[in-house]
Amino acid sequence: MGGEGEYCAVEGVQAEGMSERMRTELESERARLRGVCETLQQAADKLKEMYERGISEQRAGIAKLAVEIAARVVRRKTEEGDYEIVKMIEEALKEAAAEEDVAIRLNPQDMERCKKAQEAGEAKFSGVTFVADAGVGRAECRVETKRGIIASVIDEQLERVGKALIRTVQSNDNQ
């Protein structure tokens, strides 16, 4: 029976040694898995950053494309004469406030349209002198006052719209 007790004691020491080795291996495996998880988290963070940057760049590109499309549509409508020059002049005059001695420079073709609108009673401009100016594009006008010039130029308006749109996109991306 003495031999049996010795065997149990040896087996207990062996089990204790094996348990310690398993614990060490388990801790080592946990540390390795923590490292893998940290690496995966860093990769996920990097992918998210790249995705957000890509989306932001796409939004800015879409905004620029929208302005380019609008410019093409406006140019086509201008070439076809499909615009309301009287309303454009009225808008430009609003910016001039109640000035006297106002001169409005128009493209000669628009000058004809404006005269016809006035003769038909569709437009009433008092205290305004119209000047035909081939240097002014169709669907554009320049309002000259004592204080300065107010230009209603399509390309400038489209540029302002484009910049505002891109600022809005960038502002939304930063939120």
Protein backbone atom coordinates (compact mmCIF):
# COMPACT_ATOMS: atom_id res chain seq x y z
CA MET A 1 0.00 0.00 0.00
CA GLY A 2 2.92 2.29 0.59
CA GLY A 3 3.64 2.22 -3.10
CA GLU A 4 0.18 3.35 -3.91
CA GLY A 5 0.52 6.47 -1.71
CA GLU A 6 3.78 7.33 -3.38
CA TYR A 7 2.16 7.02 -6.78
CA CYS A 8 -0.67 9.39 -5.77
CA ALA A 9 1.82 11.93 -4.43
CA VAL A 10 3.83 11.78 -7.65
CA GLU A 11 0.68 12.04 -9.70
CA GLY A 12 -0.39 15.10 -7.62
CA VAL A 13 2.96 16.79 -8.28
CA GLN A 14 2.67 15.98 -11.96
CA ALA A 15 -0.90 17.39 -12.06
CA GLU A 16 0.23 20.52 -10.20
CA GLY A 17 3.12 21.02 -12.64
CA MET A 18 0.86 20.46 -15.61
CA SER A 19 -1.71 22.88 -14.19
CA GLU A 20 0.97 25.56 -13.77
CA ARG A 21 2.22 24.99 -17.33
CA MET A 22 -1.35 25.21 -18.69
CA ARG A 23 -1.94 28.41 -16.75
CA THR A 24 1.24 29.92 -18.22
CA GLU A 25 0.27 28.82 -21.72
CA LEU A 26 -3.24 30.17 -21.22
CA GLU A 27 -1.91 33.58 -20.08
CA SER A 28 0.48 33.61 -23.01
CA GLU A 29 -2.39 32.84 -25.40
CA ARG A 30 -4.55 35.57 -23.80
CA ALA A 31 -1.75 38.12 -24.22
CA ARG A 32 -1.32 37.09 -27.85
CA LEU A 33 -5.07 37.41 -28.48
CA ARG A 34 -5.12 40.84 -26.80
CA GLY A 35 -2.39 41.91 -29.22
CA VAL A 36 -4.37 40.54 -32.18
CA CYS A 37 -7.49 42.40 -30.97
CA GLU A 38 -5.55 45.66 -30.63
CA THR A 39 -4.13 45.22 -34.14
CA LEU A 40 -7.61 44.50 -35.52
CA GLN A 41 -9.01 47.58 -33.73
CA GLN A 42 -6.26 49.77 -35.19
CA ALA A 43 -6.98 48.38 -38.66
CA ALA A 44 -10.72 49.00 -38.20
CA ASP A 45 -10.06 52.59 -37.06
CA LYS A 46 -7.81 53.18 -40.09
CA LEU A 47 -10.45 51.73 -42.45
CA LYS A 48 -13.14 53.93 -40.90
CA GLU A 49 -10.93 57.02 -41.32
CA MET A 50 -10.21 56.13 -44.95
CA TYR A 51 -13.92 55.52 -45.60
CA GLU A 52 -14.93 58.87 -44.08
CA ARG A 53 -12.24 60.71 -46.04
CA GLY A 54 -13.38 59.00 -49.23
CA ILE A 55 -17.01 59.92 -48.59
CA SER A 56 -16.00 63.51 -47.89
CA GLU A 57 -14.02 63.72 -51.13
CA GLN A 58 -16.91 62.18 -53.04
CA ARG A 59 -19.36 64.72 -51.60
CA ALA A 60 -17.10 67.60 -52.62
CA GLY A 61 -16.79 66.05 -56.09
CA ILE A 62 -20.54 65.64 -56.33
CA ALA A 63 -21.02 69.28 -55.32
CA LYS A 64 -18.59 70.40 -58.03
CA LEU A 65 -20.33 68.17 -60.57
CA ALA A 66 -23.73 69.63 -59.62
CA VAL A 67 -22.42 73.15 -60.24
CA GLU A 68 -20.91 72.10 -63.58
CA ILE A 69 -24.25 70.59 -64.64
CA ALA A 70 -26.07 73.73 -63.54
CA ALA A 71 -23.61 75.84 -65.56
CA ARG A 72 -24.30 73.75 -68.67
CA VAL A 73 -28.05 74.05 -68.20
CA VAL A 74 -27.82 77.82 -67.66
CA ARG A 75 -25.58 78.24 -70.72
CA ARG A 76 -27.99 76.21 -72.87
CA LYS A 77 -30.98 78.21 -71.64
CA THR A 78 -29.05 81.44 -72.24
CA GLU A 79 -28.19 80.37 -75.80
CA GLU A 80 -31.85 79.54 -76.40
CA GLY A 81 -32.97 82.87 -74.90
CA ASP A 82 -34.92 81.01 -72.21
CA TYR A 83 -34.47 83.44 -69.31
CA GLU A 84 -36.24 86.45 -67.87
CA ILE A 85 -33.96 89.46 -68.19
CA VAL A 86 -36.50 91.78 -66.55
CA LYS A 87 -36.50 89.72 -63.34
CA MET A 88 -32.70 89.65 -63.40
CA ILE A 89 -32.59 93.44 -63.69
CA GLU A 90 -35.13 93.81 -60.88
CA GLU A 91 -32.99 91.61 -58.63
CA ALA A 92 -29.85 93.59 -59.45
CA LEU A 93 -31.70 96.86 -58.79
CA LYS A 94 -32.75 95.62 -55.33
CA GLU A 95 -29.07 95.54 -54.41
CA ALA A 96 -28.66 99.13 -55.66
CA ALA A 97 -31.36 100.24 -53.18
CA ALA A 98 -32.96 103.61 -53.94
CA GLU A 99 -30.18 105.15 -55.98
CA GLU A 100 -30.65 107.89 -58.53
CA ASP A 101 -28.88 108.12 -61.85
CA VAL A 102 -28.67 104.38 -62.32
CA ALA A 103 -27.34 103.02 -65.60
CA ILE A 104 -27.93 99.42 -66.54
CA ARG A 105 -25.60 97.88 -69.09
CA LEU A 106 -27.09 95.00 -71.04
CA ASN A 107 -26.19 92.81 -73.95
CA PRO A 108 -27.75 94.37 -77.08
CA GLN A 109 -30.04 91.34 -77.55
CA ASP A 110 -31.28 91.66 -73.97
CA MET A 111 -31.72 95.40 -74.47
CA GLU A 112 -34.27 94.67 -77.19
CA ARG A 113 -36.12 92.22 -74.96
CA CYS A 114 -36.12 94.71 -72.09
CA LYS A 115 -37.47 97.52 -74.30
CA LYS A 116 -40.27 95.25 -75.53
CA ALA A 117 -41.18 94.33 -71.94
CA GLN A 118 -41.31 98.00 -70.98
CA GLU A 119 -43.41 98.90 -74.02
CA ALA A 120 -45.79 96.06 -73.22
CA GLY A 121 -46.11 97.32 -69.64
CA GLU A 122 -44.49 94.19 -68.20
CA ALA A 123 -41.64 96.18 -66.67
CA LYS A 124 -41.41 99.65 -65.21
CA PHE A 125 -38.02 101.11 -64.53
CA SER A 126 -38.02 104.75 -63.49
CA GLY A 127 -34.84 106.77 -63.14
CA VAL A 128 -32.91 104.12 -65.03
CA THR A 129 -30.88 104.55 -68.19
CA PHE A 130 -30.30 101.44 -70.29
CA VAL A 131 -27.03 101.12 -72.20
CA ALA A 132 -26.38 98.46 -74.83
CA ASP A 133 -22.98 96.92 -74.18
CA ALA A 134 -21.63 94.02 -76.25
CA GLY A 135 -19.14 93.35 -73.45
CA VAL A 136 -21.97 92.18 -71.21
CA GLY A 137 -23.06 88.60 -71.76
CA ARG A 138 -26.59 87.53 -72.48
CA ALA A 139 -28.66 87.01 -69.32
CA GLU A 140 -26.30 89.32 -67.45
CA CYS A 141 -26.36 92.98 -66.49
CA ARG A 142 -24.23 95.58 -64.77
CA VAL A 143 -25.95 98.18 -62.63
CA GLU A 144 -23.84 101.32 -62.34
CA THR A 145 -24.54 103.74 -59.49
CA LYS A 146 -22.64 106.60 -57.87
CA ARG A 147 -21.47 104.16 -55.20
CA GLY A 148 -20.21 101.50 -57.57
CA ILE A 149 -21.11 98.67 -59.90
CA ILE A 150 -23.36 95.73 -59.16
CA ALA A 151 -22.70 92.94 -61.59
CA SER A 152 -25.13 90.15 -62.24
CA VAL A 153 -22.81 87.72 -64.01
CA ILE A 154 -23.83 84.08 -64.38
CA ASP A 155 -20.34 82.57 -64.01
CA GLU A 156 -19.71 84.57 -60.83
CA GLN A 157 -23.05 83.52 -59.40
CA LEU A 158 -22.37 79.87 -60.21
CA GLU A 159 -18.94 80.15 -58.63
CA ARG A 160 -20.46 81.59 -55.43
CA VAL A 161 -23.08 78.83 -55.37
CA GLY A 162 -20.37 76.20 -55.87
CA LYS A 163 -18.21 77.57 -53.06
CA ALA A 164 -21.20 77.76 -50.73
CA LEU A 165 -22.18 74.19 -51.58
CA ILE A 166 -18.66 72.89 -50.95
CA ARG A 167 -18.46 74.80 -47.63
CA THR A 168 -21.77 73.23 -46.61
CA VAL A 169 -20.54 69.75 -47.52
CA GLN A 170 -17.28 70.26 -45.63
CA SER A 171 -19.13 71.70 -42.65
CA ASN A 172 -21.44 68.69 -42.58
CA ASP A 173 -18.45 66.35 -42.80
CA ASN A 174 -16.83 68.00 -39.78
CA GLN A 175 -19.92 67.49 -37.64
